[in-house]
């Protein structure tokens, strides 16, 4: 009798232990699932066009899928890059010729080549995090015969040391404001009517 009772007790203890271990594993799985869910809630960079304003929002690099479609480009009058976006790819807003206002968030650290090629922007301020402007970034050669679609004012940050080839080509009567001396590569202002580099500090 004693052996039977002992055996039964051992079985009960074993069963209870298995149940506890299973419960612990299940709880651990739920915690892991919740943690994974939190990680995946990071908002990817996306875009939307509403009432002429093309807005890019989210965290990280702007993917090609978020770039305006061909049918949208002629409808865009304003471009807004919101906080969280870090990079603008090559050709990001190319040929958005009616976009005269562009706002770039301070989180942006890279502007790709031809990102604003042939847009209608008139004034632009380069965010502080940007270290390089790529070739043809603000080239307006396709609209060089039009005074309306031409950059008139560019404010550089303190990180920009060089203006690359064709960066501002085709823009008429452009003024570039900077706090320090910068290197200007060949053809940076190709086919520009007039341009002026203005030092804000000496």
C-alpha atoms as a PDB file:
ATOM      1  CA  UNK A   1       0.000   0.000   0.000  1.00  0.00           C
ATOM      2  CA  UNK A   2       2.772   2.364   0.923  1.00  0.00           C
ATOM      3  CA  UNK A   3       4.525   1.704  -2.385  1.00  0.00           C
ATOM      4  CA  UNK A   4       1.325   2.414  -4.317  1.00  0.00           C
ATOM      5  CA  UNK A   5       0.768   5.651  -2.411  1.00  0.00           C
ATOM      6  CA  UNK A   6       4.364   6.688  -2.993  1.00  0.00           C
ATOM      7  CA  UNK A   7       4.096   5.895  -6.682  1.00  0.00           C
ATOM      8  CA  UNK A   8       0.853   7.843  -6.963  1.00  0.00           C
ATOM      9  CA  UNK A   9       2.393  10.792  -5.141  1.00  0.00           C
ATOM     10  CA  UNK A  10       5.389  10.752  -7.460  1.00  0.00           C
ATOM     11  CA  UNK A  11       3.081  10.685 -10.477  1.00  0.00           C
ATOM     12  CA  UNK A  12       1.100  13.628  -9.095  1.00  0.00           C
ATOM     13  CA  UNK A  13       4.281  15.592  -8.453  1.00  0.00           C
ATOM     14  CA  UNK A  14       5.548  14.767 -11.944  1.00  0.00           C
ATOM     15  CA  UNK A  15       2.236  15.788 -13.517  1.00  0.00           C
ATOM     16  CA  UNK A  16       2.167  19.034 -11.531  1.00  0.00           C
ATOM     17  CA  UNK A  17       5.766  19.810 -12.546  1.00  0.00           C
ATOM     18  CA  UNK A  18       4.972  19.210 -16.214  1.00  0.00           C
ATOM     19  CA  UNK A  19       1.951  21.524 -15.961  1.00  0.00           C
ATOM     20  CA  UNK A  20       4.040  24.264 -14.346  1.00  0.00           C
ATOM     21  CA  UNK A  21       6.754  23.954 -16.991  1.00  0.00           C
ATOM     22  CA  UNK A  22       4.166  24.059 -19.767  1.00  0.00           C
ATOM     23  CA  UNK A  23       2.582  27.140 -18.237  1.00  0.00           C
ATOM     24  CA  UNK A  24       5.969  28.856 -18.005  1.00  0.00           C
ATOM     25  CA  UNK A  25       6.753  28.056 -21.625  1.00  0.00           C
ATOM     26  CA  UNK A  26       3.351  29.357 -22.719  1.00  0.00           C
ATOM     27  CA  UNK A  27       3.802  32.609 -20.784  1.00  0.00           C
ATOM     28  CA  UNK A  28       7.275  33.011 -22.264  1.00  0.00           C
ATOM     29  CA  UNK A  29       5.828  32.540 -25.741  1.00  0.00           C
ATOM     30  CA  UNK A  30       3.227  35.243 -25.104  1.00  0.00           C
ATOM     31  CA  UNK A  31       5.893  37.687 -23.869  1.00  0.00           C
ATOM     32  CA  UNK A  32       8.016  36.977 -26.954  1.00  0.00           C
ATOM     33  CA  UNK A  33       5.023  37.503 -29.219  1.00  0.00           C
ATOM     34  CA  UNK A  34       4.233  40.830 -27.568  1.00  0.00           C
ATOM     35  CA  UNK A  35       7.868  41.933 -27.868  1.00  0.00           C
ATOM     36  CA  UNK A  36       7.889  40.956 -31.540  1.00  0.00           C
ATOM     37  CA  UNK A  37       4.649  42.825 -32.086  1.00  0.00           C
ATOM     38  CA  UNK A  38       6.175  45.954 -30.577  1.00  0.00           C
ATOM     39  CA  UNK A  39       9.192  45.674 -32.857  1.00  0.00           C
ATOM     40  CA  UNK A  40       7.055  45.322 -35.955  1.00  0.00           C
ATOM     41  CA  UNK A  41       4.975  48.372 -35.106  1.00  0.00           C
ATOM     42  CA  UNK A  42       7.736  50.674 -36.413  1.00  0.00           C
ATOM     43  CA  UNK A  43       6.025  52.642 -39.140  1.00  0.00           C
ATOM     44  CA  UNK A  44       7.590  52.103 -42.546  1.00  0.00           C
ATOM     45  CA  UNK A  45       8.083  55.082 -44.817  1.00  0.00           C
ATOM     46  CA  UNK A  46       5.065  55.665 -47.020  1.00  0.00           C
ATOM     47  CA  UNK A  47       3.526  58.530 -48.946  1.00  0.00           C
ATOM     48  CA  UNK A  48       0.178  60.065 -49.770  1.00  0.00           C
ATOM     49  CA  UNK A  49      -1.122  62.769 -52.103  1.00  0.00           C
ATOM     50  CA  UNK A  50      -3.978  64.922 -50.866  1.00  0.00           C
ATOM     51  CA  UNK A  51      -5.180  68.283 -52.199  1.00  0.00           C
ATOM     52  CA  UNK A  52      -1.948  68.861 -54.081  1.00  0.00           C
ATOM     53  CA  UNK A  53       0.322  68.062 -51.112  1.00  0.00           C
ATOM     54  CA  UNK A  54       2.546  65.002 -51.357  1.00  0.00           C
ATOM     55  CA  UNK A  55       3.511  63.864 -47.850  1.00  0.00           C
ATOM     56  CA  UNK A  56       6.229  61.352 -46.992  1.00  0.00           C
ATOM     57  CA  UNK A  57       6.149  59.962 -43.441  1.00  0.00           C
ATOM     58  CA  UNK A  58       7.500  57.087 -41.353  1.00  0.00           C
ATOM     59  CA  UNK A  59      10.939  56.114 -40.078  1.00  0.00           C
ATOM     60  CA  UNK A  60      13.980  55.325 -42.186  1.00  0.00           C
ATOM     61  CA  UNK A  61      14.866  55.509 -45.863  1.00  0.00           C
ATOM     62  CA  UNK A  62      12.205  56.462 -48.384  1.00  0.00           C
ATOM     63  CA  UNK A  63      11.703  53.400 -50.655  1.00  0.00           C
ATOM     64  CA  UNK A  64      11.027  53.597 -54.380  1.00  0.00           C
ATOM     65  CA  UNK A  65       7.487  52.396 -53.686  1.00  0.00           C
ATOM     66  CA  UNK A  66       6.827  55.678 -51.837  1.00  0.00           C
ATOM     67  CA  UNK A  67       7.952  57.841 -54.753  1.00  0.00           C
ATOM     68  CA  UNK A  68       5.194  59.678 -56.660  1.00  0.00           C
ATOM     69  CA  UNK A  69       3.713  57.836 -59.609  1.00  0.00           C
ATOM     70  CA  UNK A  70       3.860  59.375 -63.099  1.00  0.00           C
ATOM     71  CA  UNK A  71       0.144  60.227 -62.991  1.00  0.00           C
ATOM     72  CA  UNK A  72       0.613  62.035 -59.658  1.00  0.00           C
ATOM     73  CA  UNK A  73       3.578  64.233 -60.560  1.00  0.00           C
ATOM     74  CA  UNK A  74       1.630  66.943 -62.398  1.00  0.00           C
ATOM     75  CA  UNK A  75      -0.817  67.197 -59.471  1.00  0.00           C
ATOM     76  CA  UNK A  76       1.832  67.840 -56.817  1.00  0.00           C
ATOM     77  CA  UNK A  77       2.149  71.469 -55.721  1.00  0.00           C
ATOM     78  CA  UNK A  78       3.789  70.935 -52.344  1.00  0.00           C
ATOM     79  CA  UNK A  79       6.158  68.271 -50.989  1.00  0.00           C
ATOM     80  CA  UNK A  80       6.442  67.604 -47.250  1.00  0.00           C
ATOM     81  CA  UNK A  81       9.079  65.254 -45.818  1.00  0.00           C
ATOM     82  CA  UNK A  82       8.148  64.561 -42.190  1.00  0.00           C
ATOM     83  CA  UNK A  83      10.323  63.847 -39.157  1.00  0.00           C
ATOM     84  CA  UNK A  84      11.607  60.293 -39.084  1.00  0.00           C
ATOM     85  CA  UNK A  85      12.470  60.034 -42.761  1.00  0.00           C
ATOM     86  CA  UNK A  86      16.258  59.751 -43.119  1.00  0.00           C
ATOM     87  CA  UNK A  87      17.059  59.336 -46.829  1.00  0.00           C
ATOM     88  CA  UNK A  88      15.610  60.504 -50.131  1.00  0.00           C
ATOM     89  CA  UNK A  89      16.494  58.144 -53.004  1.00  0.00           C
ATOM     90  CA  UNK A  90      17.720  58.935 -56.478  1.00  0.00           C
ATOM     91  CA  UNK A  91      15.007  60.510 -58.666  1.00  0.00           C
ATOM     92  CA  UNK A  92      12.716  60.784 -55.618  1.00  0.00           C
ATOM     93  CA  UNK A  93      10.705  63.750 -56.946  1.00  0.00           C
ATOM     94  CA  UNK A  94      12.050  64.031 -60.443  1.00  0.00           C
ATOM     95  CA  UNK A  95       9.822  65.976 -62.871  1.00  0.00           C
ATOM     96  CA  UNK A  96       7.378  67.174 -60.196  1.00  0.00           C
ATOM     97  CA  UNK A  97       7.530  70.479 -62.085  1.00  0.00           C
ATOM     98  CA  UNK A  98       4.530  72.081 -60.371  1.00  0.00           C
ATOM     99  CA  UNK A  99       5.861  71.522 -56.838  1.00  0.00           C
ATOM    100  CA  UNK A 100       6.925  75.035 -55.798  1.00  0.00           C
ATOM    101  CA  UNK A 101       7.159  74.411 -52.038  1.00  0.00           C
ATOM    102  CA  UNK A 102       9.338  71.723 -50.460  1.00  0.00           C
ATOM    103  CA  UNK A 103       9.743  71.152 -46.722  1.00  0.00           C
ATOM    104  CA  UNK A 104      12.457  68.718 -45.638  1.00  0.00           C
ATOM    105  CA  UNK A 105      12.542  67.455 -42.032  1.00  0.00           C
ATOM    106  CA  UNK A 106      15.771  67.824 -40.020  1.00  0.00           C
ATOM    107  CA  UNK A 107      16.021  64.009 -39.724  1.00  0.00           C
ATOM    108  CA  UNK A 108      16.944  63.708 -43.422  1.00  0.00           C
ATOM    109  CA  UNK A 109      20.682  63.023 -43.787  1.00  0.00           C
ATOM    110  CA  UNK A 110      20.973  62.093 -47.458  1.00  0.00           C
ATOM    111  CA  UNK A 111      19.533  63.583 -50.643  1.00  0.00           C
ATOM    112  CA  UNK A 112      20.024  61.298 -53.631  1.00  0.00           C
ATOM    113  CA  UNK A 113      21.122  62.264 -57.141  1.00  0.00           C
ATOM    114  CA  UNK A 114      18.390  63.975 -59.183  1.00  0.00           C
ATOM    115  CA  UNK A 115      16.094  63.846 -56.139  1.00  0.00           C
ATOM    116  CA  UNK A 116      14.535  67.206 -57.076  1.00  0.00           C
ATOM    117  CA  UNK A 117      15.483  67.274 -60.747  1.00  0.00           C
ATOM    118  CA  UNK A 118      13.177  69.575 -62.719  1.00  0.00           C
ATOM    119  CA  UNK A 119      10.885  70.509 -59.843  1.00  0.00           C
ATOM    120  CA  UNK A 120       9.329  73.929 -59.451  1.00  0.00           C
ATOM    121  CA  UNK A 121      10.856  74.679 -56.050  1.00  0.00           C
ATOM    122  CA  UNK A 122      11.861  78.314 -55.557  1.00  0.00           C
ATOM    123  CA  UNK A 123      13.446  78.175 -52.097  1.00  0.00           C
ATOM    124  CA  UNK A 124      15.182  75.312 -50.340  1.00  0.00           C
ATOM    125  CA  UNK A 125      16.940  74.859 -46.979  1.00  0.00           C
ATOM    126  CA  UNK A 126      19.271  71.883 -46.640  1.00  0.00           C
ATOM    127  CA  UNK A 127      18.707  70.087 -43.268  1.00  0.00           C
ATOM    128  CA  UNK A 128      21.596  70.105 -40.789  1.00  0.00           C
ATOM    129  CA  UNK A 129      22.121  66.324 -40.939  1.00  0.00           C
ATOM    130  CA  UNK A 130      22.836  66.303 -44.693  1.00  0.00           C
ATOM    131  CA  UNK A 131      26.575  66.020 -45.402  1.00  0.00           C
ATOM    132  CA  UNK A 132      26.528  65.684 -49.178  1.00  0.00           C
ATOM    133  CA  UNK A 133      24.377  66.925 -52.033  1.00  0.00           C
ATOM    134  CA  UNK A 134      24.478  64.451 -54.906  1.00  0.00           C
ATOM    135  CA  UNK A 135      24.958  65.327 -58.566  1.00  0.00           C
ATOM    136  CA  UNK A 136      21.953  66.863 -60.344  1.00  0.00           C
ATOM    137  CA  UNK A 137      20.021  66.968 -57.055  1.00  0.00           C
ATOM    138  CA  UNK A 138      18.348  70.300 -57.910  1.00  0.00           C
ATOM    139  CA  UNK A 139      19.038  70.427 -61.634  1.00  0.00           C
ATOM    140  CA  UNK A 140      16.358  72.325 -63.568  1.00  0.00           C
ATOM    141  CA  UNK A 141      17.731  72.146 -67.089  1.00  0.00           C
ATOM    142  CA  UNK A 142      14.438  70.911 -68.517  1.00  0.00           C
ATOM    143  CA  UNK A 143      12.759  74.094 -67.319  1.00  0.00           C
ATOM    144  CA  UNK A 144      15.655  76.468 -67.927  1.00  0.00           C
ATOM    145  CA  UNK A 145      13.556  78.634 -70.263  1.00  0.00           C
ATOM    146  CA  UNK A 146      11.018  79.329 -67.520  1.00  0.00           C
ATOM    147  CA  UNK A 147      11.546  81.894 -64.773  1.00  0.00           C
ATOM    148  CA  UNK A 148       8.660  80.436 -62.772  1.00  0.00           C
ATOM    149  CA  UNK A 149      10.156  76.971 -62.249  1.00  0.00           C
ATOM    150  CA  UNK A 150      13.560  77.989 -60.977  1.00  0.00           C
ATOM    151  CA  UNK A 151      15.301  77.900 -57.606  1.00  0.00           C
ATOM    152  CA  UNK A 152      16.017  81.431 -56.421  1.00  0.00           C
ATOM    153  CA  UNK A 153      17.350  80.723 -52.923  1.00  0.00           C
ATOM    154  CA  UNK A 154      19.342  77.892 -51.329  1.00  0.00           C
ATOM    155  CA  UNK A 155      20.433  77.839 -47.666  1.00  0.00           C
ATOM    156  CA  UNK A 156      23.236  75.370 -46.984  1.00  0.00           C
ATOM    157  CA  UNK A 157      24.009  73.848 -43.599  1.00  0.00           C
ATOM    158  CA  UNK A 158      27.427  73.830 -41.935  1.00  0.00           C
ATOM    159  CA  UNK A 159      28.212  70.277 -43.100  1.00  0.00           C
ATOM    160  CA  UNK A 160      28.143  70.961 -46.825  1.00  0.00           C
ATOM    161  CA  UNK A 161      31.682  71.548 -48.103  1.00  0.00           C
ATOM    162  CA  UNK A 162      31.299  70.794 -51.812  1.00  0.00           C
ATOM    163  CA  UNK A 163      28.665  71.491 -54.442  1.00  0.00           C
ATOM    164  CA  UNK A 164      28.840  68.668 -57.039  1.00  0.00           C
ATOM    165  CA  UNK A 165      28.448  68.710 -60.816  1.00  0.00           C
ATOM    166  CA  UNK A 166      25.133  70.011 -62.126  1.00  0.00           C
ATOM    167  CA  UNK A 167      23.717  70.286 -58.595  1.00  0.00           C
ATOM    168  CA  UNK A 168      21.916  73.536 -59.456  1.00  0.00           C
ATOM    169  CA  UNK A 169      22.249  73.592 -63.244  1.00  0.00           C
ATOM    170  CA  UNK A 170      19.576  75.431 -65.220  1.00  0.00           C
ATOM    171  CA  UNK A 171      18.372  77.609 -62.341  1.00  0.00           C
ATOM    172  CA  UNK A 172      18.257  81.349 -63.086  1.00  0.00           C
ATOM    173  CA  UNK A 173      19.275  84.122 -60.714  1.00  0.00           C
ATOM    174  CA  UNK A 174      20.098  81.694 -57.908  1.00  0.00           C
ATOM    175  CA  UNK A 175      21.572  82.768 -54.573  1.00  0.00           C
ATOM    176  CA  UNK A 176      23.339  80.253 -52.336  1.00  0.00           C
ATOM    177  CA  UNK A 177      23.709  81.144 -48.650  1.00  0.00           C
ATOM    178  CA  UNK A 178      26.458  79.497 -46.608  1.00  0.00           C
ATOM    179  CA  UNK A 179      28.335  80.037 -43.355  1.00  0.00           C
ATOM    180  CA  UNK A 180      31.703  78.941 -44.706  1.00  0.00           C
ATOM    181  CA  UNK A 181      33.802  78.666 -47.815  1.00  0.00           C
ATOM    182  CA  UNK A 182      32.690  75.853 -50.124  1.00  0.00           C
ATOM    183  CA  UNK A 183      34.197  74.064 -53.098  1.00  0.00           C
ATOM    184  CA  UNK A 184      32.269  74.389 -56.359  1.00  0.00           C
ATOM    185  CA  UNK A 185      32.831  71.663 -58.915  1.00  0.00           C
ATOM    186  CA  UNK A 186      32.729  72.165 -62.657  1.00  0.00           C
ATOM    187  CA  UNK A 187      29.236  72.568 -64.166  1.00  0.00           C
ATOM    188  CA  UNK A 188      27.583  73.016 -60.745  1.00  0.00           C
ATOM    189  CA  UNK A 189      25.763  76.073 -62.102  1.00  0.00           C
ATOM    190  CA  UNK A 190      25.780  75.050 -65.758  1.00  0.00           C
ATOM    191  CA  UNK A 191      23.352  77.027 -67.939  1.00  0.00           C
ATOM    192  CA  UNK A 192      22.424  79.345 -65.071  1.00  0.00           C
ATOM    193  CA  UNK A 193      21.668  82.938 -65.943  1.00  0.00           C
ATOM    194  CA  UNK A 194      23.290  84.311 -62.796  1.00  0.00           C
ATOM    195  CA  UNK A 195      24.353  82.849 -59.460  1.00  0.00           C
ATOM    196  CA  UNK A 196      25.813  84.276 -56.289  1.00  0.00           C
ATOM    197  CA  UNK A 197      27.456  82.652 -53.266  1.00  0.00           C
ATOM    198  CA  UNK A 198      26.683  84.673 -50.158  1.00  0.00           C
ATOM    199  CA  UNK A 199      28.702  84.179 -46.960  1.00  0.00           C
ATOM    200  CA  UNK A 200      26.497  84.732 -43.919  1.00  0.00           C
ATOM    201  CA  UNK A 201      29.482  84.820 -41.538  1.00  0.00           C
ATOM    202  CA  UNK A 202      33.106  85.773 -42.083  1.00  0.00           C
END
